Amino acid sequence: YTYNTGDVPVCDGAESSHCSEPNFTGTPSAENGFNMMSSSGSSGYVGAFALKSFTKELTLISFAAGTYGSENSEGENYKGFFGGIGLGYLVNKRHSFNVMTFVMDNNTYLDEADKRVAVS
């Protein structure tokens, strides 16, 4: 669980403000029409992580979680999930390799699910 509070820069929306321009890429400053606004939010997640040894050298790695948070500016609560599965291989006491794939998605920061393969 996490709770955050603070101030964030917000465009004042005035036609004369630079920040109101459609392709504005400047600095969020008072000169460009930004004001500071109080903001707070909270979120939490529940998840699981599991390791299952097949042999002394080969281990299954898996994880999954769901997330839920406070409302965004459109009045919708943040919701998301992530999960993955992979294998770990122990070469010797000091060297190992892992390969895993995972997927994550949420209703705020991603337009479509993020899918990746990671090797370490």
Protein backbone atom coordinates (compact mmCIF):
# COMPACT_ATOMS: atom_id res chain seq x y z
CA TYR A 1 0.00 0.00 0.00
CA THR A 2 1.16 3.51 -0.73
CA TYR A 3 -0.24 6.99 -0.07
CA ASN A 4 1.15 10.09 -1.77
CA THR A 5 0.35 13.75 -1.30
CA GLY A 6 1.93 16.88 -2.70
CA ASP A 7 1.63 19.67 -5.24
CA VAL A 8 1.61 19.22 -9.01
CA PRO A 9 1.81 21.84 -11.78
CA VAL A 10 -1.48 22.32 -13.67
CA CYS A 11 -2.14 24.53 -16.70
CA ASP A 12 -4.55 27.37 -15.85
CA GLY A 13 -6.35 26.91 -19.21
CA ALA A 14 -6.38 30.61 -20.12
CA GLU A 15 -6.20 31.30 -23.87
CA SER A 16 -3.25 33.64 -23.31
CA SER A 17 -1.22 30.95 -21.50
CA HIS A 18 1.50 29.13 -23.42
CA CYS A 19 0.47 25.84 -21.79
CA SER A 20 -2.95 26.07 -23.52
CA GLU A 21 -1.33 25.73 -26.94
CA PRO A 22 -2.07 22.30 -28.49
CA ASN A 23 1.59 21.28 -28.97
CA PHE A 24 3.10 22.93 -25.89
CA THR A 25 6.45 21.37 -24.94
CA GLY A 26 7.84 24.01 -22.58
CA THR A 27 8.63 24.02 -18.90
CA PRO A 28 5.75 23.88 -16.39
CA SER A 29 6.32 27.35 -14.90
CA ALA A 30 4.19 30.32 -13.84
CA GLU A 31 5.43 32.23 -16.92
CA ASN A 32 3.91 29.51 -19.13
CA GLY A 33 0.55 29.54 -17.29
CA PHE A 34 1.02 26.82 -14.68
CA ASN A 35 -0.22 26.94 -11.08
CA MET A 36 0.47 24.46 -8.30
CA MET A 37 -2.44 22.28 -7.21
CA SER A 38 -2.69 19.92 -4.23
CA SER A 39 -2.83 16.27 -5.20
CA SER A 40 -3.11 13.03 -3.28
CA GLY A 41 -3.61 9.40 -4.13
CA SER A 42 -3.31 5.89 -2.82
CA SER A 43 -2.88 2.44 -4.27
CA GLY A 44 -2.13 -1.09 -3.28
CA TYR A 45 -1.47 -4.49 -4.75
CA VAL A 46 -1.84 -8.12 -3.81
CA GLY A 47 0.39 -10.69 -5.40
CA ALA A 48 2.24 -13.95 -5.19
CA PHE A 49 5.73 -15.15 -6.11
CA ALA A 50 6.65 -18.82 -6.39
CA LEU A 51 9.76 -20.89 -7.06
CA LYS A 52 9.55 -24.59 -7.88
CA SER A 53 12.73 -26.66 -8.25
CA PHE A 54 12.58 -29.33 -10.93
CA THR A 55 16.21 -30.39 -10.45
CA LYS A 56 19.20 -29.01 -8.57
CA GLU A 57 19.94 -26.81 -11.60
CA LEU A 58 16.49 -25.99 -13.04
CA THR A 59 13.86 -23.85 -11.24
CA LEU A 60 10.45 -22.54 -12.32
CA ILE A 61 9.88 -18.85 -11.50
CA SER A 62 6.35 -17.39 -11.45
CA PHE A 63 4.60 -14.28 -10.17
CA ALA A 64 1.24 -12.52 -10.45
CA ALA A 65 -0.41 -9.47 -8.90
CA GLY A 66 -3.42 -7.20 -9.15
CA THR A 67 -3.40 -3.48 -8.38
CA TYR A 68 -6.09 -0.96 -7.42
CA GLY A 69 -5.79 2.75 -6.71
CA SER A 70 -7.54 6.06 -6.24
CA GLU A 71 -9.56 7.88 -8.89
CA ASN A 72 -7.92 9.68 -11.79
CA SER A 73 -9.09 13.01 -13.24
CA GLU A 74 -11.84 11.21 -15.22
CA GLY A 75 -13.28 9.65 -12.05
CA GLU A 76 -12.10 6.11 -12.82
CA ASN A 77 -10.13 4.11 -10.26
CA TYR A 78 -6.69 2.87 -11.28
CA LYS A 79 -6.78 -0.88 -11.98
CA GLY A 80 -4.08 -3.17 -13.31
CA PHE A 81 -2.43 -6.55 -13.26
CA PHE A 82 0.90 -8.16 -14.05
CA GLY A 83 2.17 -11.69 -14.16
CA GLY A 84 4.96 -13.79 -15.53
CA ILE A 85 6.65 -17.14 -15.74
CA GLY A 86 10.19 -18.26 -16.45
CA LEU A 87 13.03 -20.66 -15.79
CA GLY A 88 16.26 -20.30 -13.85
CA TYR A 89 19.31 -22.44 -14.57
CA LEU A 90 22.16 -22.79 -12.04
CA VAL A 91 25.48 -23.28 -13.88
CA ASN A 92 27.52 -23.40 -10.66
CA LYS A 93 27.44 -21.83 -7.18
CA ARG A 94 28.24 -18.33 -8.53
CA HIS A 95 26.67 -18.31 -11.99
CA SER A 96 23.08 -18.69 -13.13
CA PHE A 97 20.86 -17.69 -16.05
CA ASN A 98 17.20 -16.73 -16.06
CA VAL A 99 14.69 -16.30 -18.85
CA MET A 100 11.14 -15.15 -18.26
CA THR A 101 8.19 -13.62 -20.03
CA PHE A 102 5.63 -11.31 -18.48
CA VAL A 103 2.58 -9.26 -19.30
CA MET A 104 1.22 -6.15 -17.58
CA ASP A 105 -1.74 -3.92 -18.26
CA ASN A 106 -3.60 -1.09 -16.54
CA ASN A 107 -6.32 1.40 -17.36
CA THR A 108 -4.21 4.54 -16.83
CA TYR A 109 -0.68 4.37 -18.26
CA LEU A 110 -0.90 1.75 -21.03
CA ASP A 111 -3.09 1.86 -24.14
CA GLU A 112 -2.51 -1.87 -24.69
CA ALA A 113 -0.92 -4.66 -22.67
CA ASP A 114 2.88 -4.61 -22.38
CA LYS A 115 4.40 -8.03 -23.16
CA ARG A 116 8.12 -8.73 -22.77
CA VAL A 117 10.73 -11.44 -22.58
CA ALA A 118 13.61 -10.82 -20.17
CA VAL A 119 16.94 -12.64 -20.05
CA SER A 120 19.47 -12.20 -17.25
